[in-house]
């Protein structure tokens, strides 16, 4: 369960922005001949529902039904008491509690006469839910709706940019509170990072670390004992009003090594790819004279996931758009030492 502040602020996320997002989705529905659109959500896959409604599902699972006309419906198995609170922080959509959300969706589809239903990430839609809907609304066809949703989602609006910038600021401020000599106590690292993020309004703060950069391996959970090496890295992922950002820094215990890391960090802070420049070339230019790029990857929101890998050094690409904000993860060799970092990158809107 998410433990931080959850609230709707009309100044940060105007209702007009949500109305525009709904209109964009409905335009794609009309273009694809869809009578309705269906989004599944749970605690790990809430990004699409949050983008559309302004509410981040924080427990249990639910379904959002977007009809061709009228208010979207959020069907959840949570209690009526919780539903009343959800309505107070979800500016768009009607909240209905039911022990069987798929059955309610089927009923609504049958009553409306809808036939072609776009489903976000159809391959990941629970089979039991699909069977209930197909049985309860004869003649309904479930169609892969991810391309239509992606087209509606393209083009980050000013409200989302503002929320992402705030999430980024919280992540960076959290890491700024950490000192290299804190490596003896993982829990102290977590506490130092999480305190600032939570007090700043983050609804979630997920902290991982690479305890010894001289050894291979990825980032690990920080809430357990670790043996730290001469250099380590810390990564903070922060959610603010449903929008996520990541930031990561590397630390060295020896002052001379930390000075080299500081140069790499300064170079990374100024990273800005030129128009039309490939990511690999941009990174090589950024770190020229500082270190050699070993690996990199790019993350952007995709479907129901707040951050997903969309490009990497190995050539994998999943529709990366460099014109829109992204999180850049890098792995650099600095004077024979491994240096890892991540930062939010946003071009001017």
C-alpha atoms as a PDB file:
ATOM      1  CA  UNK A   1       0.000   0.000   0.000  1.00  0.00           C
ATOM      2  CA  UNK A   2       1.205   3.508  -0.733  1.00  0.00           C
ATOM      3  CA  UNK A   3       1.993   5.367   2.459  1.00  0.00           C
ATOM      4  CA  UNK A   4       2.392   8.989   1.400  1.00  0.00           C
ATOM      5  CA  UNK A   5       0.099  11.911   0.756  1.00  0.00           C
ATOM      6  CA  UNK A   6      -2.621  11.415  -1.855  1.00  0.00           C
ATOM      7  CA  UNK A   7      -4.632  14.467  -2.795  1.00  0.00           C
ATOM      8  CA  UNK A   8      -5.897  16.329  -5.824  1.00  0.00           C
ATOM      9  CA  UNK A   9      -4.679  19.881  -6.361  1.00  0.00           C
ATOM     10  CA  UNK A  10      -6.533  21.642  -9.184  1.00  0.00           C
ATOM     11  CA  UNK A  11      -3.636  24.076  -9.586  1.00  0.00           C
ATOM     12  CA  UNK A  12      -1.223  21.214 -10.352  1.00  0.00           C
ATOM     13  CA  UNK A  13      -3.657  19.050 -12.310  1.00  0.00           C
ATOM     14  CA  UNK A  14      -6.534  21.133 -13.700  1.00  0.00           C
ATOM     15  CA  UNK A  15      -9.767  19.363 -14.548  1.00  0.00           C
ATOM     16  CA  UNK A  16      -9.402  20.854 -18.033  1.00  0.00           C
ATOM     17  CA  UNK A  17      -6.218  18.811 -18.547  1.00  0.00           C
ATOM     18  CA  UNK A  18      -8.069  15.596 -17.691  1.00  0.00           C
ATOM     19  CA  UNK A  19     -10.973  16.549 -19.955  1.00  0.00           C
ATOM     20  CA  UNK A  20      -8.495  17.042 -22.787  1.00  0.00           C
ATOM     21  CA  UNK A  21      -6.908  13.644 -22.152  1.00  0.00           C
ATOM     22  CA  UNK A  22     -10.329  11.995 -22.198  1.00  0.00           C
ATOM     23  CA  UNK A  23     -11.184  13.770 -25.445  1.00  0.00           C
ATOM     24  CA  UNK A  24      -7.926  12.590 -27.014  1.00  0.00           C
ATOM     25  CA  UNK A  25      -8.646   8.993 -26.042  1.00  0.00           C
ATOM     26  CA  UNK A  26     -12.190   9.216 -27.381  1.00  0.00           C
ATOM     27  CA  UNK A  27     -10.887  10.640 -30.644  1.00  0.00           C
ATOM     28  CA  UNK A  28      -8.692   7.566 -31.032  1.00  0.00           C
ATOM     29  CA  UNK A  29     -11.605   5.314 -30.070  1.00  0.00           C
ATOM     30  CA  UNK A  30     -13.718   6.866 -32.802  1.00  0.00           C
ATOM     31  CA  UNK A  31     -10.904   6.523 -35.338  1.00  0.00           C
ATOM     32  CA  UNK A  32     -10.534   2.829 -34.469  1.00  0.00           C
ATOM     33  CA  UNK A  33     -14.283   2.156 -34.420  1.00  0.00           C
ATOM     34  CA  UNK A  34     -14.340   1.337 -30.704  1.00  0.00           C
ATOM     35  CA  UNK A  35     -17.569   1.625 -28.719  1.00  0.00           C
ATOM     36  CA  UNK A  36     -15.791   1.703 -25.342  1.00  0.00           C
ATOM     37  CA  UNK A  37     -12.349   1.413 -23.810  1.00  0.00           C
ATOM     38  CA  UNK A  38     -11.282  -0.674 -20.816  1.00  0.00           C
ATOM     39  CA  UNK A  39      -8.267  -0.230 -18.534  1.00  0.00           C
ATOM     40  CA  UNK A  40      -7.183  -2.697 -15.860  1.00  0.00           C
ATOM     41  CA  UNK A  41      -5.310  -1.364 -12.846  1.00  0.00           C
ATOM     42  CA  UNK A  42      -3.559  -2.581  -9.712  1.00  0.00           C
ATOM     43  CA  UNK A  43      -0.861  -1.163  -7.436  1.00  0.00           C
ATOM     44  CA  UNK A  44       1.906  -1.854  -9.964  1.00  0.00           C
ATOM     45  CA  UNK A  45      -0.035  -0.931 -13.097  1.00  0.00           C
ATOM     46  CA  UNK A  46      -1.814   2.283 -12.222  1.00  0.00           C
ATOM     47  CA  UNK A  47      -0.133   4.784 -14.562  1.00  0.00           C
ATOM     48  CA  UNK A  48      -2.724   4.737 -17.346  1.00  0.00           C
ATOM     49  CA  UNK A  49      -5.673   5.152 -14.982  1.00  0.00           C
ATOM     50  CA  UNK A  50      -3.842   7.930 -13.145  1.00  0.00           C
ATOM     51  CA  UNK A  51      -3.098   9.749 -16.392  1.00  0.00           C
ATOM     52  CA  UNK A  52      -6.743   9.568 -17.405  1.00  0.00           C
ATOM     53  CA  UNK A  53      -8.526  10.192 -14.101  1.00  0.00           C
ATOM     54  CA  UNK A  54      -5.976  11.851 -11.813  1.00  0.00           C
ATOM     55  CA  UNK A  55      -6.260   9.063  -9.229  1.00  0.00           C
ATOM     56  CA  UNK A  56      -3.484   6.600  -8.396  1.00  0.00           C
ATOM     57  CA  UNK A  57      -4.946   3.186  -7.441  1.00  0.00           C
ATOM     58  CA  UNK A  58      -3.195   2.254  -4.235  1.00  0.00           C
ATOM     59  CA  UNK A  59      -4.630  -1.129  -3.235  1.00  0.00           C
ATOM     60  CA  UNK A  60      -6.554  -3.994  -4.754  1.00  0.00           C
ATOM     61  CA  UNK A  61      -7.414  -3.994  -8.443  1.00  0.00           C
ATOM     62  CA  UNK A  62     -10.002  -2.193 -10.483  1.00  0.00           C
ATOM     63  CA  UNK A  63     -11.383  -1.531 -13.947  1.00  0.00           C
ATOM     64  CA  UNK A  64     -11.991   1.772 -15.678  1.00  0.00           C
ATOM     65  CA  UNK A  65     -14.603   1.739 -18.410  1.00  0.00           C
ATOM     66  CA  UNK A  66     -14.601   4.660 -20.847  1.00  0.00           C
ATOM     67  CA  UNK A  67     -17.844   4.768 -22.849  1.00  0.00           C
ATOM     68  CA  UNK A  68     -18.133   6.670 -26.115  1.00  0.00           C
ATOM     69  CA  UNK A  69     -20.135   9.285 -24.210  1.00  0.00           C
ATOM     70  CA  UNK A  70     -20.693  10.120 -20.573  1.00  0.00           C
ATOM     71  CA  UNK A  71     -18.574   9.831 -17.453  1.00  0.00           C
ATOM     72  CA  UNK A  72     -15.930   7.078 -17.200  1.00  0.00           C
ATOM     73  CA  UNK A  73     -16.639   4.404 -14.591  1.00  0.00           C
ATOM     74  CA  UNK A  74     -14.098   3.182 -12.021  1.00  0.00           C
ATOM     75  CA  UNK A  75     -15.255  -0.187 -10.685  1.00  0.00           C
ATOM     76  CA  UNK A  76     -13.456  -1.391  -7.562  1.00  0.00           C
ATOM     77  CA  UNK A  77     -13.923  -4.064  -4.914  1.00  0.00           C
ATOM     78  CA  UNK A  78     -12.930  -1.641  -2.153  1.00  0.00           C
ATOM     79  CA  UNK A  79     -15.484  -0.660   0.488  1.00  0.00           C
ATOM     80  CA  UNK A  80     -18.034   2.107   0.046  1.00  0.00           C
ATOM     81  CA  UNK A  81     -16.266   4.132   2.736  1.00  0.00           C
ATOM     82  CA  UNK A  82     -13.038   4.058   0.750  1.00  0.00           C
ATOM     83  CA  UNK A  83     -14.941   4.829  -2.448  1.00  0.00           C
ATOM     84  CA  UNK A  84     -16.238   8.047  -0.959  1.00  0.00           C
ATOM     85  CA  UNK A  85     -12.659   9.121  -0.266  1.00  0.00           C
ATOM     86  CA  UNK A  86     -11.566   8.103  -3.784  1.00  0.00           C
ATOM     87  CA  UNK A  87     -14.295  10.314  -5.228  1.00  0.00           C
ATOM     88  CA  UNK A  88     -12.885  13.252  -3.264  1.00  0.00           C
ATOM     89  CA  UNK A  89      -9.409  12.870  -4.794  1.00  0.00           C
ATOM     90  CA  UNK A  90     -10.354  11.599  -8.285  1.00  0.00           C
ATOM     91  CA  UNK A  91     -11.560  14.575 -10.330  1.00  0.00           C
ATOM     92  CA  UNK A  92     -12.714  12.586 -13.367  1.00  0.00           C
ATOM     93  CA  UNK A  93     -14.891   9.480 -13.334  1.00  0.00           C
ATOM     94  CA  UNK A  94     -17.612   7.846 -11.271  1.00  0.00           C
ATOM     95  CA  UNK A  95     -16.565   5.421  -8.527  1.00  0.00           C
ATOM     96  CA  UNK A  96     -18.691   2.309  -7.999  1.00  0.00           C
ATOM     97  CA  UNK A  97     -17.926  -0.381  -5.431  1.00  0.00           C
ATOM     98  CA  UNK A  98     -18.804  -3.969  -6.174  1.00  0.00           C
ATOM     99  CA  UNK A  99     -17.441  -7.373  -5.131  1.00  0.00           C
ATOM    100  CA  UNK A 100     -17.178  -8.265  -8.836  1.00  0.00           C
ATOM    101  CA  UNK A 101     -15.956  -5.349 -10.980  1.00  0.00           C
ATOM    102  CA  UNK A 102     -15.833  -7.403 -14.223  1.00  0.00           C
ATOM    103  CA  UNK A 103     -19.494  -8.382 -13.818  1.00  0.00           C
ATOM    104  CA  UNK A 104     -20.473  -4.734 -13.392  1.00  0.00           C
ATOM    105  CA  UNK A 105     -18.505  -3.777 -16.495  1.00  0.00           C
ATOM    106  CA  UNK A 106     -20.221  -6.545 -18.435  1.00  0.00           C
ATOM    107  CA  UNK A 107     -23.602  -5.267 -17.277  1.00  0.00           C
ATOM    108  CA  UNK A 108     -22.795  -1.708 -18.384  1.00  0.00           C
ATOM    109  CA  UNK A 109     -21.588  -2.907 -21.781  1.00  0.00           C
ATOM    110  CA  UNK A 110     -24.687  -5.026 -22.309  1.00  0.00           C
ATOM    111  CA  UNK A 111     -26.973  -2.128 -21.354  1.00  0.00           C
ATOM    112  CA  UNK A 112     -25.228   0.276 -23.712  1.00  0.00           C
ATOM    113  CA  UNK A 113     -25.112  -2.120 -26.654  1.00  0.00           C
ATOM    114  CA  UNK A 114     -21.361  -1.636 -27.038  1.00  0.00           C
ATOM    115  CA  UNK A 115     -19.683  -4.285 -29.161  1.00  0.00           C
ATOM    116  CA  UNK A 116     -16.079  -3.365 -30.001  1.00  0.00           C
ATOM    117  CA  UNK A 117     -14.177  -2.790 -26.749  1.00  0.00           C
ATOM    118  CA  UNK A 118     -10.577  -1.610 -26.792  1.00  0.00           C
ATOM    119  CA  UNK A 119      -8.528  -3.065 -23.939  1.00  0.00           C
ATOM    120  CA  UNK A 120      -5.232  -1.596 -22.846  1.00  0.00           C
ATOM    121  CA  UNK A 121      -2.573  -4.334 -22.836  1.00  0.00           C
ATOM    122  CA  UNK A 122      -4.969  -7.082 -23.770  1.00  0.00           C
ATOM    123  CA  UNK A 123      -2.308  -9.783 -23.328  1.00  0.00           C
ATOM    124  CA  UNK A 124      -1.934  -8.721 -19.688  1.00  0.00           C
ATOM    125  CA  UNK A 125      -5.646  -8.424 -18.981  1.00  0.00           C
ATOM    126  CA  UNK A 126      -6.702 -11.024 -16.364  1.00  0.00           C
ATOM    127  CA  UNK A 127      -8.219 -14.032 -18.130  1.00  0.00           C
ATOM    128  CA  UNK A 128     -10.924 -14.437 -15.501  1.00  0.00           C
ATOM    129  CA  UNK A 129     -12.044 -10.842 -15.980  1.00  0.00           C
ATOM    130  CA  UNK A 130     -12.174 -11.305 -19.754  1.00  0.00           C
ATOM    131  CA  UNK A 131     -14.244 -14.473 -19.438  1.00  0.00           C
ATOM    132  CA  UNK A 132     -16.710 -12.756 -17.082  1.00  0.00           C
ATOM    133  CA  UNK A 133     -17.139  -9.820 -19.450  1.00  0.00           C
ATOM    134  CA  UNK A 134     -17.578 -11.990 -22.540  1.00  0.00           C
ATOM    135  CA  UNK A 135     -20.121 -14.184 -20.743  1.00  0.00           C
ATOM    136  CA  UNK A 136     -22.038 -11.255 -19.287  1.00  0.00           C
ATOM    137  CA  UNK A 137     -22.165  -9.177 -22.467  1.00  0.00           C
ATOM    138  CA  UNK A 138     -22.834 -11.543 -25.394  1.00  0.00           C
ATOM    139  CA  UNK A 139     -21.571 -10.257 -28.719  1.00  0.00           C
ATOM    140  CA  UNK A 140     -18.832  -8.114 -27.192  1.00  0.00           C
ATOM    141  CA  UNK A 141     -15.410  -8.277 -28.841  1.00  0.00           C
ATOM    142  CA  UNK A 142     -12.274  -7.420 -26.856  1.00  0.00           C
ATOM    143  CA  UNK A 143      -9.679  -5.732 -29.055  1.00  0.00           C
ATOM    144  CA  UNK A 144      -6.061  -4.791 -28.355  1.00  0.00           C
ATOM    145  CA  UNK A 145      -6.244  -1.085 -27.589  1.00  0.00           C
ATOM    146  CA  UNK A 146      -2.649  -0.308 -26.669  1.00  0.00           C
ATOM    147  CA  UNK A 147      -1.761   1.440 -29.972  1.00  0.00           C
ATOM    148  CA  UNK A 148      -4.832   3.668 -29.720  1.00  0.00           C
ATOM    149  CA  UNK A 149      -4.019   4.540 -26.112  1.00  0.00           C
ATOM    150  CA  UNK A 150      -0.372   5.248 -26.980  1.00  0.00           C
ATOM    151  CA  UNK A 151      -1.436   7.719 -29.653  1.00  0.00           C
ATOM    152  CA  UNK A 152      -3.798   9.443 -27.228  1.00  0.00           C
ATOM    153  CA  UNK A 153      -1.060   9.483 -24.563  1.00  0.00           C
ATOM    154  CA  UNK A 154       1.581  10.957 -26.874  1.00  0.00           C
ATOM    155  CA  UNK A 155       2.532  14.544 -26.187  1.00  0.00           C
ATOM    156  CA  UNK A 156       3.177  15.255 -22.513  1.00  0.00           C
ATOM    157  CA  UNK A 157       0.995  18.153 -21.390  1.00  0.00           C
ATOM    158  CA  UNK A 158       2.097  20.980 -19.125  1.00  0.00           C
ATOM    159  CA  UNK A 159       0.353  19.490 -16.076  1.00  0.00           C
ATOM    160  CA  UNK A 160       2.279  16.229 -16.365  1.00  0.00           C
ATOM    161  CA  UNK A 161       5.536  18.075 -16.973  1.00  0.00           C
ATOM    162  CA  UNK A 162       5.005  20.042 -13.792  1.00  0.00           C
ATOM    163  CA  UNK A 163       4.281  16.944 -11.713  1.00  0.00           C
ATOM    164  CA  UNK A 164       7.288  15.124 -13.184  1.00  0.00           C
ATOM    165  CA  UNK A 165       9.537  18.091 -12.426  1.00  0.00           C
ATOM    166  CA  UNK A 166       8.340  18.059  -8.817  1.00  0.00           C
ATOM    167  CA  UNK A 167       8.950  14.296  -8.529  1.00  0.00           C
ATOM    168  CA  UNK A 168      12.427  14.831  -9.971  1.00  0.00           C
ATOM    169  CA  UNK A 169      13.185  17.611  -7.492  1.00  0.00           C
ATOM    170  CA  UNK A 170      12.147  15.392  -4.587  1.00  0.00           C
ATOM    171  CA  UNK A 171      14.334  12.527  -5.818  1.00  0.00           C
ATOM    172  CA  UNK A 172      17.371  14.785  -6.283  1.00  0.00           C
ATOM    173  CA  UNK A 173      16.888  16.491  -2.930  1.00  0.00           C
ATOM    174  CA  UNK A 174      16.660  13.095  -1.245  1.00  0.00           C
ATOM    175  CA  UNK A 175      19.980  11.978  -2.701  1.00  0.00           C
ATOM    176  CA  UNK A 176      21.618  15.295  -1.817  1.00  0.00           C
ATOM    177  CA  UNK A 177      21.135  14.443   1.863  1.00  0.00           C
ATOM    178  CA  UNK A 178      23.364  11.344   1.603  1.00  0.00           C
ATOM    179  CA  UNK A 179      27.080  11.357   2.386  1.00  0.00           C
ATOM    180  CA  UNK A 180      29.583   8.695   1.342  1.00  0.00           C
ATOM    181  CA  UNK A 181      30.495   7.957   4.963  1.00  0.00           C
ATOM    182  CA  UNK A 182      26.932   6.747   5.607  1.00  0.00           C
ATOM    183  CA  UNK A 183      27.683   3.464   3.828  1.00  0.00           C
ATOM    184  CA  UNK A 184      28.047   1.558   7.076  1.00  0.00           C
ATOM    185  CA  UNK A 185      24.300   1.713   7.765  1.00  0.00           C
ATOM    186  CA  UNK A 186      21.819   0.932   4.933  1.00  0.00           C
ATOM    187  CA  UNK A 187      18.861   1.881   7.096  1.00  0.00           C
ATOM    188  CA  UNK A 188      20.392   5.297   7.723  1.00  0.00           C
ATOM    189  CA  UNK A 189      20.663   5.759   3.957  1.00  0.00           C
ATOM    190  CA  UNK A 190      17.021   4.874   3.507  1.00  0.00           C
ATOM    191  CA  UNK A 191      15.937   7.177   6.319  1.00  0.00           C
ATOM    192  CA  UNK A 192      17.935  10.126   4.989  1.00  0.00           C
ATOM    193  CA  UNK A 193      16.501   9.727   1.500  1.00  0.00           C
ATOM    194  CA  UNK A 194      12.942   8.952   2.431  1.00  0.00           C
ATOM    195  CA  UNK A 195      12.435  11.687   4.986  1.00  0.00           C
ATOM    196  CA  UNK A 196      12.826  14.541   2.537  1.00  0.00           C
ATOM    197  CA  UNK A 197      10.709  12.906  -0.141  1.00  0.00           C
ATOM    198  CA  UNK A 198       7.838  12.130   2.220  1.00  0.00           C
ATOM    199  CA  UNK A 199       7.852  15.562   3.813  1.00  0.00           C
ATOM    200  CA  UNK A 200       7.863  17.052   0.319  1.00  0.00           C
ATOM    201  CA  UNK A 201       4.587  15.329  -0.522  1.00  0.00           C
ATOM    202  CA  UNK A 202       5.755  12.153  -2.287  1.00  0.00           C
ATOM    203  CA  UNK A 203       3.126   9.422  -2.234  1.00  0.00           C
ATOM    204  CA  UNK A 204       5.804   6.792  -2.750  1.00  0.00           C
ATOM    205  CA  UNK A 205       9.569   6.614  -2.339  1.00  0.00           C
ATOM    206  CA  UNK A 206      11.358   3.415  -3.377  1.00  0.00           C
ATOM    207  CA  UNK A 207      15.063   3.219  -2.549  1.00  0.00           C
ATOM    208  CA  UNK A 208      17.524   0.687  -3.953  1.00  0.00           C
ATOM    209  CA  UNK A 209      21.302   0.449  -3.913  1.00  0.00           C
ATOM    210  CA  UNK A 210      24.323  -1.124  -5.557  1.00  0.00           C
ATOM    211  CA  UNK A 211      26.430  -1.715  -2.418  1.00  0.00           C
ATOM    212  CA  UNK A 212      29.723  -2.500  -4.158  1.00  0.00           C
ATOM    213  CA  UNK A 213      30.380  -1.025  -7.600  1.00  0.00           C
ATOM    214  CA  UNK A 214      33.434  -3.237  -8.075  1.00  0.00           C
ATOM    215  CA  UNK A 215      31.108  -6.224  -8.359  1.00  0.00           C
ATOM    216  CA  UNK A 216      28.561  -6.963 -11.107  1.00  0.00           C
ATOM    217  CA  UNK A 217      24.874  -6.779 -10.413  1.00  0.00           C
ATOM    218  CA  UNK A 218      21.950  -4.409 -10.365  1.00  0.00           C
ATOM    219  CA  UNK A 219      20.308  -2.284  -7.717  1.00  0.00           C
ATOM    220  CA  UNK A 220      19.054  -4.155  -4.634  1.00  0.00           C
ATOM    221  CA  UNK A 221      16.518  -3.449  -1.945  1.00  0.00           C
ATOM    222  CA  UNK A 222      17.986  -1.258   0.755  1.00  0.00           C
ATOM    223  CA  UNK A 223      15.988  -2.574   3.715  1.00  0.00           C
ATOM    224  CA  UNK A 224      18.365  -5.447   4.482  1.00  0.00           C
ATOM    225  CA  UNK A 225      22.066  -5.885   5.417  1.00  0.00           C
ATOM    226  CA  UNK A 226      24.662  -5.297   2.698  1.00  0.00           C
ATOM    227  CA  UNK A 227      28.446  -5.390   2.540  1.00  0.00           C
ATOM    228  CA  UNK A 228      29.588  -2.061   1.085  1.00  0.00           C
ATOM    229  CA  UNK A 229      32.625  -1.714  -1.111  1.00  0.00           C
ATOM    230  CA  UNK A 230      34.910   1.267  -1.676  1.00  0.00           C
ATOM    231  CA  UNK A 231      32.241   2.750  -3.957  1.00  0.00           C
ATOM    232  CA  UNK A 232      28.496   2.293  -4.006  1.00  0.00           C
ATOM    233  CA  UNK A 233      25.442   3.741  -5.753  1.00  0.00           C
ATOM    234  CA  UNK A 234      22.039   4.748  -4.456  1.00  0.00           C
ATOM    235  CA  UNK A 235      18.869   5.109  -6.547  1.00  0.00           C
ATOM    236  CA  UNK A 236      15.657   6.838  -5.480  1.00  0.00           C
ATOM    237  CA  UNK A 237      12.361   6.403  -7.351  1.00  0.00           C
ATOM    238  CA  UNK A 238       9.698   8.902  -6.336  1.00  0.00           C
ATOM    239  CA  UNK A 239       6.003   9.209  -7.171  1.00  0.00           C
ATOM    240  CA  UNK A 240       4.327  12.594  -6.893  1.00  0.00           C
ATOM    241  CA  UNK A 241       0.608  12.782  -7.700  1.00  0.00           C
ATOM    242  CA  UNK A 242       0.982   9.595  -9.728  1.00  0.00           C
ATOM    243  CA  UNK A 243       3.961  10.733 -11.826  1.00  0.00           C
ATOM    244  CA  UNK A 244       7.295   8.983 -11.266  1.00  0.00           C
ATOM    245  CA  UNK A 245      10.911  10.010 -11.601  1.00  0.00           C
ATOM    246  CA  UNK A 246      14.231   8.387 -10.734  1.00  0.00           C
ATOM    247  CA  UNK A 247      17.573   9.739  -9.656  1.00  0.00           C
ATOM    248  CA  UNK A 248      20.760   7.845  -8.823  1.00  0.00           C
ATOM    249  CA  UNK A 249      24.237   8.809  -7.623  1.00  0.00           C
ATOM    250  CA  UNK A 250      27.511   7.027  -7.006  1.00  0.00           C
ATOM    251  CA  UNK A 251      29.639   7.586  -3.911  1.00  0.00           C
ATOM    252  CA  UNK A 252      33.270   6.755  -3.152  1.00  0.00           C
ATOM    253  CA  UNK A 253      34.727   6.505   0.345  1.00  0.00           C
ATOM    254  CA  UNK A 254      38.184   7.787  -0.670  1.00  0.00           C
ATOM    255  CA  UNK A 255      38.318  11.573  -1.247  1.00  0.00           C
ATOM    256  CA  UNK A 256      40.371  11.259  -4.448  1.00  0.00           C
ATOM    257  CA  UNK A 257      37.881   8.833  -5.969  1.00  0.00           C
ATOM    258  CA  UNK A 258      34.960  10.973  -4.820  1.00  0.00           C
ATOM    259  CA  UNK A 259      36.520  13.953  -6.585  1.00  0.00           C
ATOM    260  CA  UNK A 260      36.524  11.988  -9.848  1.00  0.00           C
ATOM    261  CA  UNK A 261      32.931  10.947  -9.245  1.00  0.00           C
ATOM    262  CA  UNK A 262      32.030  14.605  -8.701  1.00  0.00           C
ATOM    263  CA  UNK A 263      33.418  15.448 -12.165  1.00  0.00           C
ATOM    264  CA  UNK A 264      31.308  12.700 -13.727  1.00  0.00           C
ATOM    265  CA  UNK A 265      28.265  13.963 -11.842  1.00  0.00           C
ATOM    266  CA  UNK A 266      28.838  17.523 -13.056  1.00  0.00           C
ATOM    267  CA  UNK A 267      29.119  16.313 -16.647  1.00  0.00           C
ATOM    268  CA  UNK A 268      25.926  14.301 -16.327  1.00  0.00           C
ATOM    269  CA  UNK A 269      24.065  17.254 -14.822  1.00  0.00           C
ATOM    270  CA  UNK A 270      24.744  19.241 -18.004  1.00  0.00           C
ATOM    271  CA  UNK A 271      23.697  16.435 -20.356  1.00  0.00           C
ATOM    272  CA  UNK A 272      21.575  17.721 -23.231  1.00  0.00           C
ATOM    273  CA  UNK A 273      21.460  15.874 -26.568  1.00  0.00           C
ATOM    274  CA  UNK A 274      21.571  17.949 -29.711  1.00  0.00           C
ATOM    275  CA  UNK A 275      18.661  17.807 -32.142  1.00  0.00           C
ATOM    276  CA  UNK A 276      18.816  14.564 -34.084  1.00  0.00           C
ATOM    277  CA  UNK A 277      21.787  13.268 -32.092  1.00  0.00           C
ATOM    278  CA  UNK A 278      21.745   9.608 -31.105  1.00  0.00           C
ATOM    279  CA  UNK A 279      21.777   8.812 -27.405  1.00  0.00           C
ATOM    280  CA  UNK A 280      25.043   6.884 -27.589  1.00  0.00           C
ATOM    281  CA  UNK A 281      26.793   9.745 -29.370  1.00  0.00           C
ATOM    282  CA  UNK A 282      25.333  12.316 -26.970  1.00  0.00           C
ATOM    283  CA  UNK A 283      26.575  10.371 -23.952  1.00  0.00           C
ATOM    284  CA  UNK A 284      30.042   9.857 -25.453  1.00  0.00           C
ATOM    285  CA  UNK A 285      30.253  13.610 -26.010  1.00  0.00           C
ATOM    286  CA  UNK A 286      28.952  14.351 -22.504  1.00  0.00           C
ATOM    287  CA  UNK A 287      31.487  12.139 -20.749  1.00  0.00           C
ATOM    288  CA  UNK A 288      34.434  12.737 -23.089  1.00  0.00           C
ATOM    289  CA  UNK A 289      37.503  13.343 -20.953  1.00  0.00           C
ATOM    290  CA  UNK A 290      35.690  12.096 -17.839  1.00  0.00           C
ATOM    291  CA  UNK A 291      35.018   8.431 -18.439  1.00  0.00           C
ATOM    292  CA  UNK A 292      33.968   5.749 -20.904  1.00  0.00           C
ATOM    293  CA  UNK A 293      30.316   4.815 -21.325  1.00  0.00           C
ATOM    294  CA  UNK A 294      29.731   1.130 -20.566  1.00  0.00           C
ATOM    295  CA  UNK A 295      25.935   0.967 -20.734  1.00  0.00           C
ATOM    296  CA  UNK A 296      22.822   3.142 -20.765  1.00  0.00           C
ATOM    297  CA  UNK A 297      19.042   2.846 -20.895  1.00  0.00           C
ATOM    298  CA  UNK A 298      16.079   5.188 -21.213  1.00  0.00           C
ATOM    299  CA  UNK A 299      12.714   4.981 -19.444  1.00  0.00           C
ATOM    300  CA  UNK A 300       9.400   6.663 -20.250  1.00  0.00           C
ATOM    301  CA  UNK A 301       5.764   6.019 -19.242  1.00  0.00           C
ATOM    302  CA  UNK A 302       4.235   3.206 -21.271  1.00  0.00           C
ATOM    303  CA  UNK A 303       0.655   2.007 -20.965  1.00  0.00           C
ATOM    304  CA  UNK A 304      -0.163   1.065 -17.395  1.00  0.00           C
ATOM    305  CA  UNK A 305       3.467   1.335 -16.235  1.00  0.00           C
ATOM    306  CA  UNK A 306       4.804   4.667 -14.923  1.00  0.00           C
ATOM    307  CA  UNK A 307       8.333   3.976 -16.207  1.00  0.00           C
ATOM    308  CA  UNK A 308       9.356   1.337 -18.734  1.00  0.00           C
ATOM    309  CA  UNK A 309      12.541   0.749 -20.713  1.00  0.00           C
ATOM    310  CA  UNK A 310      12.117   2.272 -24.173  1.00  0.00           C
ATOM    311  CA  UNK A 311      15.719   2.392 -25.462  1.00  0.00           C
ATOM    312  CA  UNK A 312      19.106   0.996 -24.493  1.00  0.00           C
ATOM    313  CA  UNK A 313      22.709   0.639 -25.576  1.00  0.00           C
ATOM    314  CA  UNK A 314      22.065  -2.843 -26.955  1.00  0.00           C
ATOM    315  CA  UNK A 315      19.779  -1.384 -29.615  1.00  0.00           C
ATOM    316  CA  UNK A 316      16.436  -2.295 -28.060  1.00  0.00           C
ATOM    317  CA  UNK A 317      13.789   0.347 -28.696  1.00  0.00           C
ATOM    318  CA  UNK A 318      10.129   0.561 -27.751  1.00  0.00           C
ATOM    319  CA  UNK A 319       8.971   3.808 -29.289  1.00  0.00           C
ATOM    320  CA  UNK A 320      11.364   6.171 -27.508  1.00  0.00           C
ATOM    321  CA  UNK A 321      10.502   9.819 -28.176  1.00  0.00           C
ATOM    322  CA  UNK A 322      13.426  12.090 -27.172  1.00  0.00           C
ATOM    323  CA  UNK A 323      11.174  15.148 -27.424  1.00  0.00           C
ATOM    324  CA  UNK A 324       9.279  14.008 -24.344  1.00  0.00           C
ATOM    325  CA  UNK A 325      10.687  13.775 -20.785  1.00  0.00           C
ATOM    326  CA  UNK A 326      12.598  10.623 -19.919  1.00  0.00           C
ATOM    327  CA  UNK A 327      14.758   9.035 -17.237  1.00  0.00           C
ATOM    328  CA  UNK A 328      18.292   8.267 -18.375  1.00  0.00           C
ATOM    329  CA  UNK A 329      20.309   5.539 -16.604  1.00  0.00           C
ATOM    330  CA  UNK A 330      24.054   5.380 -17.246  1.00  0.00           C
ATOM    331  CA  UNK A 331      26.928   3.070 -16.338  1.00  0.00           C
ATOM    332  CA  UNK A 332      30.340   4.703 -16.803  1.00  0.00           C
ATOM    333  CA  UNK A 333      33.951   3.683 -16.220  1.00  0.00           C
ATOM    334  CA  UNK A 334      35.837   6.490 -14.476  1.00  0.00           C
ATOM    335  CA  UNK A 335      39.594   5.945 -13.984  1.00  0.00           C
ATOM    336  CA  UNK A 336      39.067   2.187 -13.764  1.00  0.00           C
ATOM    337  CA  UNK A 337      36.119   2.515 -11.381  1.00  0.00           C
ATOM    338  CA  UNK A 338      32.477   1.887 -12.127  1.00  0.00           C
ATOM    339  CA  UNK A 339      30.159   4.903 -11.800  1.00  0.00           C
ATOM    340  CA  UNK A 340      26.374   4.634 -12.068  1.00  0.00           C
ATOM    341  CA  UNK A 341      23.773   7.371 -12.144  1.00  0.00           C
ATOM    342  CA  UNK A 342      20.287   8.263 -13.328  1.00  0.00           C
ATOM    343  CA  UNK A 343      18.538  11.550 -13.962  1.00  0.00           C
ATOM    344  CA  UNK A 344      15.365  13.044 -15.353  1.00  0.00           C
ATOM    345  CA  UNK A 345      15.816  14.755 -18.722  1.00  0.00           C
ATOM    346  CA  UNK A 346      13.254  17.154 -20.155  1.00  0.00           C
ATOM    347  CA  UNK A 347      13.568  19.344 -23.206  1.00  0.00           C
ATOM    348  CA  UNK A 348      11.673  22.613 -23.294  1.00  0.00           C
ATOM    349  CA  UNK A 349       7.959  22.072 -23.984  1.00  0.00           C
END
